[in-house]
């Protein structure tokens, strides 16, 4: 039905890539769409692939991941601000 390939590091020089390929299909079941996914890591002459049967990385789970990363980044920025105010670099290393 549909195939989507997403490169996580599209700004890289082309020698290394991490790509999630999702194939959506219907097997005639009226319940909906099914997924096969493959996560591929390419590093110049080497590669590794992981086949993920079913919808392991859905739009919903990736949004949850994005939210968690965004919250963690905000917390890290706050820690940096606190360290800059206090001037104590050891505080930065002991946080989080």
PDB file of N, CA and C in Angstrom:
ATOM      1  N   UNK A   1       0.818  -1.198   0.000  1.00  0.00           N
ATOM      2  CA  UNK A   1       0.000   0.000   0.000  1.00  0.00           C
ATOM      3  C   UNK A   1       0.858   1.258   0.000  1.00  0.00           C
ATOM      4  N   UNK A   2       1.791   1.312   0.963  1.00  0.00           N
ATOM      5  CA  UNK A   2       2.593   2.539   1.116  1.00  0.00           C
ATOM      6  C   UNK A   2       3.927   2.164   1.736  1.00  0.00           C
ATOM      7  N   UNK A   3       4.971   2.867   1.307  1.00  0.00           N
ATOM      8  CA  UNK A   3       6.310   2.652   1.859  1.00  0.00           C
ATOM      9  C   UNK A   3       6.897   4.008   2.207  1.00  0.00           C
ATOM     10  N   UNK A   4       7.445   4.113   3.419  1.00  0.00           N
ATOM     11  CA  UNK A   4       8.047   5.358   3.893  1.00  0.00           C
ATOM     12  C   UNK A   4       9.458   5.035   4.381  1.00  0.00           C
ATOM     13  N   UNK A   5      10.437   5.785   3.894  1.00  0.00           N
ATOM     14  CA  UNK A   5      11.813   5.657   4.372  1.00  0.00           C
ATOM     15  C   UNK A   5      12.205   6.982   5.005  1.00  0.00           C
ATOM     16  N   UNK A   6      12.686   6.914   6.244  1.00  0.00           N
ATOM     17  CA  UNK A   6      13.079   8.122   6.966  1.00  0.00           C
ATOM     18  C   UNK A   6      14.532   7.990   7.402  1.00  0.00           C
ATOM     19  N   UNK A   7      15.350   8.957   7.004  1.00  0.00           N
ATOM     20  CA  UNK A   7      16.759   8.982   7.386  1.00  0.00           C
ATOM     21  C   UNK A   7      16.904   9.891   8.607  1.00  0.00           C
ATOM     22  N   UNK A   8      17.379   9.338   9.707  1.00  0.00           N
ATOM     23  CA  UNK A   8      17.490  10.100  10.952  1.00  0.00           C
ATOM     24  C   UNK A   8      18.612  11.131  10.905  1.00  0.00           C
ATOM     25  N   UNK A   9      19.618  10.896  10.099  1.00  0.00           N
ATOM     26  CA  UNK A   9      20.751  11.826  10.051  1.00  0.00           C
ATOM     27  C   UNK A   9      20.985  12.287   8.623  1.00  0.00           C
ATOM     28  N   UNK A  10      19.979  12.917   8.043  1.00  0.00           N
ATOM     29  CA  UNK A  10      20.064  13.328   6.645  1.00  0.00           C
ATOM     30  C   UNK A  10      21.074  14.450   6.395  1.00  0.00           C
ATOM     31  N   UNK A  11      21.633  15.037   7.426  1.00  0.00           N
ATOM     32  CA  UNK A  11      22.642  16.080   7.256  1.00  0.00           C
ATOM     33  C   UNK A  11      24.059  15.514   7.277  1.00  0.00           C
ATOM     34  N   UNK A  12      24.161  14.192   7.356  1.00  0.00           N
ATOM     35  CA  UNK A  12      25.470  13.545   7.415  1.00  0.00           C
ATOM     36  C   UNK A  12      26.134  13.593   6.035  1.00  0.00           C
ATOM     37  N   UNK A  13      27.389  13.207   5.981  1.00  0.00           N
ATOM     38  CA  UNK A  13      28.155  13.302   4.739  1.00  0.00           C
ATOM     39  C   UNK A  13      27.858  12.170   3.754  1.00  0.00           C
ATOM     40  N   UNK A  14      26.992  11.267   4.085  1.00  0.00           N
ATOM     41  CA  UNK A  14      26.642  10.188   3.175  1.00  0.00           C
ATOM     42  C   UNK A  14      27.348   8.885   3.464  1.00  0.00           C
ATOM     43  N   UNK A  15      28.354   8.904   4.281  1.00  0.00           N
ATOM     44  CA  UNK A  15      29.073   7.674   4.615  1.00  0.00           C
ATOM     45  C   UNK A  15      28.392   6.877   5.697  1.00  0.00           C
ATOM     46  N   UNK A  16      27.569   7.516   6.481  1.00  0.00           N
ATOM     47  CA  UNK A  16      26.876   6.852   7.573  1.00  0.00           C
ATOM     48  C   UNK A  16      25.407   7.252   7.532  1.00  0.00           C
ATOM     49  N   UNK A  17      24.547   6.291   7.804  1.00  0.00           N
ATOM     50  CA  UNK A  17      23.122   6.615   7.825  1.00  0.00           C
ATOM     51  C   UNK A  17      22.377   5.660   8.747  1.00  0.00           C
ATOM     52  N   UNK A  18      21.306   6.168   9.289  1.00  0.00           N
ATOM     53  CA  UNK A  18      20.375   5.382  10.086  1.00  0.00           C
ATOM     54  C   UNK A  18      19.004   5.609   9.467  1.00  0.00           C
ATOM     55  N   UNK A  19      18.441   4.550   8.885  1.00  0.00           N
ATOM     56  CA  UNK A  19      17.203   4.682   8.117  1.00  0.00           C
ATOM     57  C   UNK A  19      16.146   3.733   8.655  1.00  0.00           C
ATOM     58  N   UNK A  20      14.962   4.283   8.885  1.00  0.00           N
ATOM     59  CA  UNK A  20      13.802   3.481   9.256  1.00  0.00           C
ATOM     60  C   UNK A  20      12.905   3.378   8.032  1.00  0.00           C
ATOM     61  N   UNK A  21      12.689   2.169   7.556  1.00  0.00           N
ATOM     62  CA  UNK A  21      11.802   1.928   6.421  1.00  0.00           C
ATOM     63  C   UNK A  21      10.553   1.235   6.939  1.00  0.00           C
ATOM     64  N   UNK A  22       9.408   1.808   6.639  1.00  0.00           N
ATOM     65  CA  UNK A  22       8.129   1.259   7.071  1.00  0.00           C
ATOM     66  C   UNK A  22       7.300   0.915   5.850  1.00  0.00           C
ATOM     67  N   UNK A  23       6.858  -0.319   5.778  1.00  0.00           N
ATOM     68  CA  UNK A  23       5.964  -0.760   4.711  1.00  0.00           C
ATOM     69  C   UNK A  23       4.601  -1.031   5.328  1.00  0.00           C
ATOM     70  N   UNK A  24       3.600  -0.390   4.776  1.00  0.00           N
ATOM     71  CA  UNK A  24       2.230  -0.555   5.260  1.00  0.00           C
ATOM     72  C   UNK A  24       1.486  -1.443   4.271  1.00  0.00           C
ATOM     73  N   UNK A  25       0.706  -2.375   4.818  1.00  0.00           N
ATOM     74  CA  UNK A  25      -0.030  -3.270   3.937  1.00  0.00           C
ATOM     75  C   UNK A  25      -1.345  -3.676   4.581  1.00  0.00           C
ATOM     76  N   UNK A  26      -2.195  -4.204   3.762  1.00  0.00           N
ATOM     77  CA  UNK A  26      -3.477  -4.728   4.221  1.00  0.00           C
ATOM     78  C   UNK A  26      -3.541  -6.192   3.804  1.00  0.00           C
ATOM     79  N   UNK A  27      -3.957  -7.034   4.730  1.00  0.00           N
ATOM     80  CA  UNK A  27      -4.087  -8.450   4.391  1.00  0.00           C
ATOM     81  C   UNK A  27      -5.553  -8.835   4.189  1.00  0.00           C
ATOM     82  N   UNK A  28      -6.390  -7.846   3.975  1.00  0.00           N
ATOM     83  CA  UNK A  28      -7.811  -8.096   3.780  1.00  0.00           C
ATOM     84  C   UNK A  28      -8.621  -8.005   5.059  1.00  0.00           C
ATOM     85  N   UNK A  29      -7.940  -7.870   6.165  1.00  0.00           N
ATOM     86  CA  UNK A  29      -8.609  -7.733   7.463  1.00  0.00           C
ATOM     87  C   UNK A  29      -9.238  -6.347   7.545  1.00  0.00           C
ATOM     88  N   UNK A  30     -10.509  -6.267   7.864  1.00  0.00           N
ATOM     89  CA  UNK A  30     -11.142  -4.945   7.933  1.00  0.00           C
ATOM     90  C   UNK A  30     -10.648  -4.083   9.096  1.00  0.00           C
ATOM     91  N   UNK A  31      -9.835  -4.653   9.978  1.00  0.00           N
ATOM     92  CA  UNK A  31      -9.328  -3.899  11.134  1.00  0.00           C
ATOM     93  C   UNK A  31      -8.355  -2.805  10.729  1.00  0.00           C
ATOM     94  N   UNK A  32      -7.738  -2.933   9.540  1.00  0.00           N
ATOM     95  CA  UNK A  32      -6.898  -1.818   9.147  1.00  0.00           C
ATOM     96  C   UNK A  32      -5.601  -2.177   8.490  1.00  0.00           C
ATOM     97  N   UNK A  33      -4.602  -1.362   8.791  1.00  0.00           N
ATOM     98  CA  UNK A  33      -3.310  -1.398   8.133  1.00  0.00           C
ATOM     99  C   UNK A  33      -2.286  -2.051   9.059  1.00  0.00           C
ATOM    100  N   UNK A  34      -1.419  -2.857   8.468  1.00  0.00           N
ATOM    101  CA  UNK A  34      -0.366  -3.522   9.215  1.00  0.00           C
ATOM    102  C   UNK A  34       0.986  -2.999   8.743  1.00  0.00           C
ATOM    103  N   UNK A  35       1.998  -3.188   9.570  1.00  0.00           N
ATOM    104  CA  UNK A  35       3.313  -2.615   9.313  1.00  0.00           C
ATOM    105  C   UNK A  35       4.401  -3.686   9.355  1.00  0.00           C
ATOM    106  N   UNK A  36       5.378  -3.525   8.506  1.00  0.00           N
ATOM    107  CA  UNK A  36       6.675  -4.182   8.620  1.00  0.00           C
ATOM    108  C   UNK A  36       7.690  -3.055   8.617  1.00  0.00           C
ATOM    109  N   UNK A  37       8.660  -3.160   9.521  1.00  0.00           N
ATOM    110  CA  UNK A  37       9.656  -2.096   9.608  1.00  0.00           C
ATOM    111  C   UNK A  37      11.054  -2.695   9.609  1.00  0.00           C
ATOM    112  N   UNK A  38      11.982  -1.906   9.087  1.00  0.00           N
ATOM    113  CA  UNK A  38      13.383  -2.283   9.108  1.00  0.00           C
ATOM    114  C   UNK A  38      14.186  -1.054   9.510  1.00  0.00           C
ATOM    115  N   UNK A  39      15.055  -1.231  10.468  1.00  0.00           N
ATOM    116  CA  UNK A  39      15.960  -0.176  10.908  1.00  0.00           C
ATOM    117  C   UNK A  39      17.350  -0.559  10.412  1.00  0.00           C
ATOM    118  N   UNK A  40      17.925   0.270   9.546  1.00  0.00           N
ATOM    119  CA  UNK A  40      19.214  -0.038   8.926  1.00  0.00           C
ATOM    120  C   UNK A  40      20.254   0.987   9.325  1.00  0.00           C
ATOM    121  N   UNK A  41      21.399   0.497   9.729  1.00  0.00           N
ATOM    122  CA  UNK A  41      22.548   1.337  10.049  1.00  0.00           C
ATOM    123  C   UNK A  41      23.619   1.048   9.008  1.00  0.00           C
ATOM    124  N   UNK A  42      24.039   2.068   8.303  1.00  0.00           N
ATOM    125  CA  UNK A  42      25.093   1.952   7.295  1.00  0.00           C
ATOM    126  C   UNK A  42      26.271   2.795   7.765  1.00  0.00           C
ATOM    127  N   UNK A  43      27.452   2.216   7.718  1.00  0.00           N
ATOM    128  CA  UNK A  43      28.653   2.951   8.062  1.00  0.00           C
ATOM    129  C   UNK A  43      29.736   2.581   7.063  1.00  0.00           C
ATOM    130  N   UNK A  44      29.788   3.375   6.020  1.00  0.00           N
ATOM    131  CA  UNK A  44      30.728   3.143   4.936  1.00  0.00           C
ATOM    132  C   UNK A  44      30.571   1.717   4.412  1.00  0.00           C
ATOM    133  N   UNK A  45      31.509   0.821   4.645  1.00  0.00           N
ATOM    134  CA  UNK A  45      31.431  -0.538   4.084  1.00  0.00           C
ATOM    135  C   UNK A  45      30.656  -1.512   4.964  1.00  0.00           C
ATOM    136  N   UNK A  46      30.239  -1.107   6.124  1.00  0.00           N
ATOM    137  CA  UNK A  46      29.550  -2.005   7.055  1.00  0.00           C
ATOM    138  C   UNK A  46      28.087  -1.618   7.168  1.00  0.00           C
ATOM    139  N   UNK A  47      27.258  -2.616   7.459  1.00  0.00           N
ATOM    140  CA  UNK A  47      25.845  -2.325   7.667  1.00  0.00           C
ATOM    141  C   UNK A  47      25.233  -3.359   8.606  1.00  0.00           C
ATOM    142  N   UNK A  48      24.166  -2.951   9.244  1.00  0.00           N
ATOM    143  CA  UNK A  48      23.392  -3.845  10.105  1.00  0.00           C
ATOM    144  C   UNK A  48      21.933  -3.475   9.948  1.00  0.00           C
ATOM    145  N   UNK A  49      21.076  -4.482   9.916  1.00  0.00           N
ATOM    146  CA  UNK A  49      19.646  -4.238   9.768  1.00  0.00           C
ATOM    147  C   UNK A  49      18.886  -5.012  10.835  1.00  0.00           C
ATOM    148  N   UNK A  50      17.846  -4.385  11.326  1.00  0.00           N
ATOM    149  CA  UNK A  50      16.962  -5.002  12.307  1.00  0.00           C
ATOM    150  C   UNK A  50      15.559  -5.000  11.730  1.00  0.00           C
ATOM    151  N   UNK A  51      14.976  -6.173  11.587  1.00  0.00           N
ATOM    152  CA  UNK A  51      13.602  -6.266  11.102  1.00  0.00           C
ATOM    153  C   UNK A  51      12.664  -6.209  12.290  1.00  0.00           C
ATOM    154  N   UNK A  52      11.748  -5.275  12.261  1.00  0.00           N
ATOM    155  CA  UNK A  52      10.791  -5.075  13.335  1.00  0.00           C
ATOM    156  C   UNK A  52       9.424  -5.501  12.816  1.00  0.00           C
ATOM    157  N   UNK A  53       8.935  -6.621  13.294  1.00  0.00           N
ATOM    158  CA  UNK A  53       7.652  -7.121  12.823  1.00  0.00           C
ATOM    159  C   UNK A  53       6.546  -6.426  13.598  1.00  0.00           C
ATOM    160  N   UNK A  54       5.638  -5.837  12.885  1.00  0.00           N
ATOM    161  CA  UNK A  54       4.578  -5.070  13.521  1.00  0.00           C
ATOM    162  C   UNK A  54       4.983  -3.612  13.629  1.00  0.00           C
ATOM    163  N   UNK A  55       4.095  -2.836  14.154  1.00  0.00           N
ATOM    164  CA  UNK A  55       4.322  -1.396  14.280  1.00  0.00           C
ATOM    165  C   UNK A  55       5.039  -1.102  15.584  1.00  0.00           C
ATOM    166  N   UNK A  56       6.338  -1.249  15.579  1.00  0.00           N
ATOM    167  CA  UNK A  56       7.129  -0.978  16.775  1.00  0.00           C
ATOM    168  C   UNK A  56       7.326   0.523  16.951  1.00  0.00           C
ATOM    169  N   UNK A  57       7.691   1.189  15.874  1.00  0.00           N
ATOM    170  CA  UNK A  57       7.923   2.635  15.904  1.00  0.00           C
ATOM    171  C   UNK A  57       6.804   3.325  15.137  1.00  0.00           C
ATOM    172  N   UNK A  58       5.757   3.628  15.837  1.00  0.00           N
ATOM    173  CA  UNK A  58       4.610   4.292  15.225  1.00  0.00           C
ATOM    174  C   UNK A  58       4.748   5.800  15.376  1.00  0.00           C
ATOM    175  N   UNK A  59       3.900   6.531  14.674  1.00  0.00           N
ATOM    176  CA  UNK A  59       3.892   7.988  14.814  1.00  0.00           C
ATOM    177  C   UNK A  59       3.651   8.370  16.272  1.00  0.00           C
ATOM    178  N   UNK A  60       2.784   7.632  16.944  1.00  0.00           N
ATOM    179  CA  UNK A  60       2.475   7.930  18.350  1.00  0.00           C
ATOM    180  C   UNK A  60       3.699   7.723  19.242  1.00  0.00           C
ATOM    181  N   UNK A  61       4.410   6.601  19.079  1.00  0.00           N
ATOM    182  CA  UNK A  61       5.573   6.355  19.936  1.00  0.00           C
ATOM    183  C   UNK A  61       6.714   7.311  19.610  1.00  0.00           C
ATOM    184  N   UNK A  62       6.863   7.680  18.339  1.00  0.00           N
ATOM    185  CA  UNK A  62       7.915   8.636  17.985  1.00  0.00           C
ATOM    186  C   UNK A  62       7.606  10.029  18.524  1.00  0.00           C
ATOM    187  N   UNK A  63       6.317  10.400  18.575  1.00  0.00           N
ATOM    188  CA  UNK A  63       5.940  11.678  19.208  1.00  0.00           C
ATOM    189  C   UNK A  63       6.258  11.653  20.697  1.00  0.00           C
ATOM    190  N   UNK A  64       5.995  10.503  21.334  1.00  0.00           N
ATOM    191  CA  UNK A  64       6.313  10.372  22.762  1.00  0.00           C
ATOM    192  C   UNK A  64       7.818  10.518  22.978  1.00  0.00           C
ATOM    193  N   UNK A  65       8.611   9.892  22.112  1.00  0.00           N
ATOM    194  CA  UNK A  65      10.065  10.018  22.198  1.00  0.00           C
ATOM    195  C   UNK A  65      10.489  11.469  22.005  1.00  0.00           C
ATOM    196  N   UNK A  66       9.919  12.123  21.002  1.00  0.00           N
ATOM    197  CA  UNK A  66      10.254  13.530  20.744  1.00  0.00           C
ATOM    198  C   UNK A  66       9.910  14.401  21.945  1.00  0.00           C
ATOM    199  N   UNK A  67       8.765  14.156  22.560  1.00  0.00           N
ATOM    200  CA  UNK A  67       8.370  14.929  23.749  1.00  0.00           C
ATOM    201  C   UNK A  67       9.350  14.704  24.892  1.00  0.00           C
ATOM    202  N   UNK A  68       9.754  13.448  25.111  1.00  0.00           N
ATOM    203  CA  UNK A  68      10.693  13.148  26.188  1.00  0.00           C
ATOM    204  C   UNK A  68      12.048  13.806  25.936  1.00  0.00           C
ATOM    205  N   UNK A  69      12.517  13.746  24.691  1.00  0.00           N
ATOM    206  CA  UNK A  69      13.794  14.383  24.359  1.00  0.00           C
ATOM    207  C   UNK A  69      13.722  15.895  24.526  1.00  0.00           C
ATOM    208  N   UNK A  70      12.605  16.474  24.097  1.00  0.00           N
ATOM    209  CA  UNK A  70      12.430  17.918  24.223  1.00  0.00           C
ATOM    210  C   UNK A  70      12.407  18.336  25.692  1.00  0.00           C
ATOM    211  N   UNK A  71      11.701  17.597  26.534  1.00  0.00           N
ATOM    212  CA  UNK A  71      11.650  17.904  27.969  1.00  0.00           C
ATOM    213  C   UNK A  71      13.019  17.759  28.609  1.00  0.00           C
ATOM    214  N   UNK A  72      13.752  16.701  28.242  1.00  0.00           N
ATOM    215  CA  UNK A  72      15.091  16.501  28.797  1.00  0.00           C
ATOM    216  C   UNK A  72      16.029  17.624  28.370  1.00  0.00           C
ATOM    217  N   UNK A  73      15.892  18.087  27.124  1.00  0.00           N
ATOM    218  CA  UNK A  73      16.723  19.188  26.647  1.00  0.00           C
ATOM    219  C   UNK A  73      16.417  20.479  27.405  1.00  0.00           C
ATOM    220  N   UNK A  74      15.141  20.733  27.663  1.00  0.00           N
ATOM    221  CA  UNK A  74      14.761  21.920  28.435  1.00  0.00           C
ATOM    222  C   UNK A  74      15.335  21.849  29.844  1.00  0.00           C
ATOM    223  N   UNK A  75      15.257  20.664  30.459  1.00  0.00           N
ATOM    224  CA  UNK A  75      15.812  20.502  31.807  1.00  0.00           C
ATOM    225  C   UNK A  75      17.324  20.718  31.795  1.00  0.00           C
ATOM    226  N   UNK A  76      17.997  20.196  30.762  1.00  0.00           N
ATOM    227  CA  UNK A  76      19.448  20.378  30.659  1.00  0.00           C
ATOM    228  C   UNK A  76      19.798  21.849  30.481  1.00  0.00           C
ATOM    229  N   UNK A  77      19.003  22.578  29.697  1.00  0.00           N
ATOM    230  CA  UNK A  77      19.237  24.012  29.512  1.00  0.00           C
ATOM    231  C   UNK A  77      19.080  24.761  30.840  1.00  0.00           C
ATOM    232  N   UNK A  78      18.088  24.368  31.633  1.00  0.00           N
ATOM    233  CA  UNK A  78      17.891  24.992  32.950  1.00  0.00           C
ATOM    234  C   UNK A  78      19.084  24.726  33.860  1.00  0.00           C
ATOM    235  N   UNK A  79      19.608  23.500  33.799  1.00  0.00           N
ATOM    236  CA  UNK A  79      20.786  23.174  34.610  1.00  0.00           C
ATOM    237  C   UNK A  79      21.959  24.043  34.189  1.00  0.00           C
ATOM    238  N   UNK A  80      22.149  24.212  32.865  1.00  0.00           N
ATOM    239  CA  UNK A  80      23.236  25.069  32.382  1.00  0.00           C
ATOM    240  C   UNK A  80      23.069  26.506  32.856  1.00  0.00           C
ATOM    241  N   UNK A  81      21.840  27.016  32.842  1.00  0.00           N
ATOM    242  CA  UNK A  81      21.585  28.373  33.324  1.00  0.00           C
ATOM    243  C   UNK A  81      21.932  28.494  34.800  1.00  0.00           C
ATOM    244  N   UNK A  82      21.523  27.491  35.588  1.00  0.00           N
ATOM    245  CA  UNK A  82      21.810  27.513  37.020  1.00  0.00           C
ATOM    246  C   UNK A  82      23.312  27.477  37.276  1.00  0.00           C
ATOM    247  N   UNK A  83      24.035  26.675  36.494  1.00  0.00           N
ATOM    248  CA  UNK A  83      25.483  26.581  36.648  1.00  0.00           C
ATOM    249  C   UNK A  83      26.137  27.902  36.256  1.00  0.00           C
ATOM    250  N   UNK A  84      25.644  28.519  35.190  1.00  0.00           N
ATOM    251  CA  UNK A  84      26.211  29.799  34.753  1.00  0.00           C
ATOM    252  C   UNK A  84      26.022  30.860  35.827  1.00  0.00           C
ATOM    253  N   UNK A  85      24.880  30.828  36.500  1.00  0.00           N
ATOM    254  CA  UNK A  85      24.611  31.804  37.556  1.00  0.00           C
ATOM    255  C   UNK A  85      25.503  31.535  38.763  1.00  0.00           C
ATOM    256  N   UNK A  86      25.642  30.258  39.141  1.00  0.00           N
ATOM    257  CA  UNK A  86      26.439  29.925  40.313  1.00  0.00           C
ATOM    258  C   UNK A  86      27.931  29.906  40.003  1.00  0.00           C
ATOM    259  N   UNK A  87      28.283  29.668  38.724  1.00  0.00           N
ATOM    260  CA  UNK A  87      29.688  29.645  38.338  1.00  0.00           C
ATOM    261  C   UNK A  87      30.402  28.384  38.756  1.00  0.00           C
ATOM    262  N   UNK A  88      29.673  27.356  39.133  1.00  0.00           N
ATOM    263  CA  UNK A  88      30.282  26.124  39.624  1.00  0.00           C
ATOM    264  C   UNK A  88      30.092  25.020  38.590  1.00  0.00           C
ATOM    265  N   UNK A  89      31.161  24.659  37.868  1.00  0.00           N
ATOM    266  CA  UNK A  89      31.090  23.625  36.832  1.00  0.00           C
ATOM    267  C   UNK A  89      30.803  22.251  37.425  1.00  0.00           C
ATOM    268  N   UNK A  90      31.191  22.011  38.661  1.00  0.00           N
ATOM    269  CA  UNK A  90      30.940  20.699  39.279  1.00  0.00           C
ATOM    270  C   UNK A  90      29.447  20.459  39.424  1.00  0.00           C
ATOM    271  N   UNK A  91      28.646  21.521  39.614  1.00  0.00           N
ATOM    272  CA  UNK A  91      27.206  21.364  39.689  1.00  0.00           C
ATOM    273  C   UNK A  91      26.644  20.772  38.399  1.00  0.00           C
ATOM    274  N   UNK A  92      27.188  21.193  37.282  1.00  0.00           N
ATOM    275  CA  UNK A  92      26.723  20.719  35.971  1.00  0.00           C
ATOM    276  C   UNK A  92      26.964  19.221  35.823  1.00  0.00           C
ATOM    277  N   UNK A  93      28.118  18.746  36.289  1.00  0.00           N
ATOM    278  CA  UNK A  93      28.442  17.337  36.161  1.00  0.00           C
ATOM    279  C   UNK A  93      27.648  16.475  37.099  1.00  0.00           C
ATOM    280  N   UNK A  94      27.252  16.981  38.234  1.00  0.00           N
ATOM    281  CA  UNK A  94      26.528  16.172  39.214  1.00  0.00           C
ATOM    282  C   UNK A  94      25.034  16.130  38.937  1.00  0.00           C
ATOM    283  N   UNK A  95      24.516  17.001  38.105  1.00  0.00           N
ATOM    284  CA  UNK A  95      23.087  17.039  37.780  1.00  0.00           C
ATOM    285  C   UNK A  95      22.785  15.993  36.724  1.00  0.00           C
ATOM    286  N   UNK A  96      21.730  15.249  36.866  1.00  0.00           N
ATOM    287  CA  UNK A  96      21.171  14.437  35.822  1.00  0.00           C
ATOM    288  C   UNK A  96      21.911  13.328  35.287  1.00  0.00           C
TER     289      UNK A  96
END
